[in-house]
Protein backbone atom coordinates (compact mmCIF):
# COMPACT_ATOMS: atom_id res chain seq x y z
CA ARG A 1 88.44 120.00 145.53
CA SER A 2 90.51 116.47 146.00
CA ALA A 3 92.73 114.87 143.90
CA ALA A 4 90.32 111.99 144.17
CA GLU A 5 87.78 114.61 142.30
CA ARG A 6 90.27 115.86 140.26
CA GLN A 7 91.16 112.81 138.46
CA ALA A 8 87.27 111.63 138.58
CA LEU A 9 86.83 115.03 136.65
CA ARG A 10 90.09 114.49 133.82
CA ASP A 11 88.17 110.65 134.14
CA ALA A 12 84.44 112.14 133.87
CA MET A 13 85.52 114.77 130.56
CA GLN A 14 88.08 112.35 128.50
CA HIS A 15 84.87 109.98 128.46
CA LEU A 16 83.02 112.91 127.32
CA ARG A 17 85.30 113.44 124.60
CA CYS A 18 86.10 117.16 125.78
CA ALA A 19 90.13 117.95 125.65
CA GLU A 20 92.56 120.33 128.01
CA LEU A 21 92.63 123.88 126.31
CA ARG A 22 94.35 125.01 129.60
CA GLU A 23 94.66 124.19 132.95
CA GLY A 24 91.14 123.14 133.94
CA LEU A 25 89.66 124.73 131.05
CA TRP A 26 88.02 121.61 128.53
CA VAL A 27 86.69 122.40 125.72
CA ARG A 28 84.84 120.41 122.70
CA PRO A 29 82.51 121.34 119.70
CA ASP A 30 78.69 121.01 120.94
CA ASN A 31 78.20 118.84 118.50
CA LEU A 32 76.95 115.15 120.29
CA PRO A 33 73.34 114.47 121.64
CA ASP A 34 72.63 114.38 125.25
CA GLU A 35 72.76 110.82 125.91
CA ALA A 36 72.68 107.67 128.10
CA ASP A 37 75.87 107.96 130.15
CA PRO A 38 76.56 104.34 132.45
CA ALA A 39 79.78 105.99 133.42
CA GLY A 40 77.99 108.59 135.08
CA ALA A 41 80.46 111.79 133.34
CA ARG A 42 78.31 113.59 132.98
CA SER A 43 76.63 113.89 136.40
CA ILE A 44 80.43 114.35 137.84
CA ALA A 45 81.47 116.93 135.42
CA ASP A 46 78.25 118.96 136.22
CA ALA A 47 78.85 118.60 140.76
CA GLN A 48 81.95 120.38 139.04
CA CYS A 49 81.55 122.38 135.91
CA THR A 50 80.06 125.50 134.70
CA TRP A 51 78.68 125.04 131.25
CA TRP A 52 78.81 127.81 128.75
CA THR A 53 79.35 128.11 124.84
CA GLY A 54 81.65 130.40 122.85
CA ARG A 55 82.95 130.41 119.46
CA PRO A 56 86.58 130.19 118.74
CA ALA A 57 87.85 133.51 118.07
CA ALA A 58 91.12 131.69 115.96
CA ASP A 59 90.64 129.64 112.97
CA PRO A 60 88.56 126.78 114.63
CA LEU A 61 90.68 123.99 112.74
CA ALA A 62 93.75 124.93 114.28
CA LEU A 63 92.15 124.74 116.98
CA ALA A 64 90.41 121.52 117.00
CA ASP A 65 94.31 119.74 115.35
CA ARG A 66 96.21 121.13 118.74
CA LEU A 67 93.41 120.15 120.51
CA PHE A 68 92.13 116.42 119.17
CA ALA A 69 94.78 115.93 116.62
CA PRO A 70 92.89 114.41 113.97
CA THR A 71 95.17 114.21 111.29
CA THR A 72 97.26 112.14 113.81
CA TRP A 73 94.03 109.77 114.86
CA ALA A 74 93.38 109.33 111.34
CA GLU A 75 96.94 107.87 110.16
CA LEU A 76 97.10 105.16 113.16
CA THR A 77 93.51 104.50 111.97
CA ASN A 78 94.73 103.60 108.57
CA VAL A 79 96.45 100.90 109.65
CA LEU A 80 94.27 99.86 112.45
CA THR A 81 91.93 99.25 109.71
CA ARG A 82 94.23 97.51 107.46
CA ARG A 83 95.71 95.42 110.26
CA ILE A 84 91.97 94.54 111.17
CA ASP A 85 90.63 93.45 107.83
CA GLU A 86 93.77 91.97 107.64
CA VAL A 87 92.66 89.56 110.48
CA THR A 88 90.30 89.65 109.91
CA GLY A 89 90.16 87.50 106.34
CA ARG A 90 92.65 84.60 107.94
CA LEU A 91 90.58 84.17 110.65
CA ARG A 92 88.07 84.07 108.03
CA ALA A 93 90.93 81.67 105.68
CA GLY A 94 90.11 79.02 108.74
CA ASP A 95 93.99 80.35 109.58
CA ALA A 96 94.43 78.47 113.35
CA GLY A 97 96.67 79.99 116.34
CA LEU A 98 95.32 83.45 115.14
CA GLU A 99 92.98 84.13 117.72
CA ALA A 100 95.46 85.71 120.26
CA ASP A 101 96.71 87.77 117.46
CA GLY A 102 93.39 88.49 116.36
CA PHE A 103 92.43 89.51 119.82
CA LEU A 104 95.35 91.70 120.97
CA ALA A 105 94.40 93.69 117.13
CA GLY A 106 90.49 94.23 118.16
CA ALA A 107 91.30 95.01 121.23
CA GLU A 108 93.33 98.20 119.54
CA ALA A 109 91.34 99.17 117.70
CA LEU A 110 88.53 98.71 119.55
CA VAL A 111 90.39 101.18 122.58
CA HIS A 112 91.18 103.09 119.09
CA VAL A 113 87.64 104.23 118.51
CA ARG A 114 86.71 104.92 121.59
CA ALA A 115 88.91 107.35 121.10
CA ASP A 116 87.84 108.78 118.22
CA PRO A 117 87.44 112.75 118.90
CA LEU A 118 83.53 112.57 117.70
CA LEU A 119 84.55 115.71 115.66
CA PRO A 120 81.97 117.64 113.00
CA ASP A 121 82.80 116.38 109.41
CA ALA A 122 83.87 121.07 109.12
CA LEU A 123 86.55 119.88 111.76
CA LEU A 124 87.45 116.99 110.26
CA PRO A 125 90.41 115.77 107.22
CA ALA A 126 88.89 114.75 104.29
CA ASP A 127 88.31 111.07 103.97
CA TRP A 128 88.02 110.37 107.41
CA PRO A 129 88.25 107.11 108.68
CA GLY A 130 86.82 106.47 111.37
CA ASP A 131 83.27 105.05 109.87
CA ALA A 132 86.00 102.94 108.08
CA LEU A 133 86.92 101.20 111.24
CA ARG A 134 84.06 101.17 112.49
CA ASP A 135 83.22 98.92 109.64
CA ALA A 136 86.06 96.77 109.62
CA TYR A 137 85.70 96.59 113.89
CA ARG A 138 82.26 94.82 112.84
CA SER A 139 83.38 92.52 110.47
CA TYR A 140 86.23 91.77 112.39
CA ARG A 141 83.51 91.21 115.24
CA GLY A 142 82.12 88.15 113.65
CA ALA A 143 84.83 86.60 112.33
CA PHE A 144 86.85 86.63 115.35
CA GLY A 145 83.61 85.05 117.22
CA ASP A 146 82.96 82.55 115.12
CA ALA A 147 87.19 81.34 114.60
CA THR A 148 86.92 81.22 119.04
CA THR A 149 83.87 79.22 118.77
CA GLY A 150 85.94 76.88 116.41
CA TRP A 151 88.75 76.99 118.85
CA PHE A 152 86.78 76.34 122.13
CA ARG A 153 85.39 73.25 120.10
CA ARG A 154 88.30 71.77 119.36
CA ASN A 155 89.71 72.09 122.31
CA ARG A 156 87.09 70.94 124.89
CA ASP A 157 87.72 68.30 126.71
């Protein structure tokens, strides 16, 4: 396969939330439903992969931790959730000039949510914060929308 085909497969497998166990061997728990795939990741993967199911012989929690680093993801999630909550509060309070910082905080949170490994509950640390960040982001999105609408009204013409 060409370098471009190999890169397309790597991108597709990451989009499908797989992790590379070793070079060319991608894995993930079979807990995600087949959904619409606007990026075409599944068709790219299907063209280059053979799909199979299996169970790890070793501890599945240790394997999930090594491949997906859920504890590290959760730690950053907690930091981002606090930041988004703070920005949301300040935006709702009318903190003028916060739009740029608010945009960056929201973008960082969104990128992080998209990197959620979406593991089954049995493979996640206790108190998984993924839903908390998603909820905080939804609240932020409304506050940011209101703040940017206000900014455009104040700065038109």
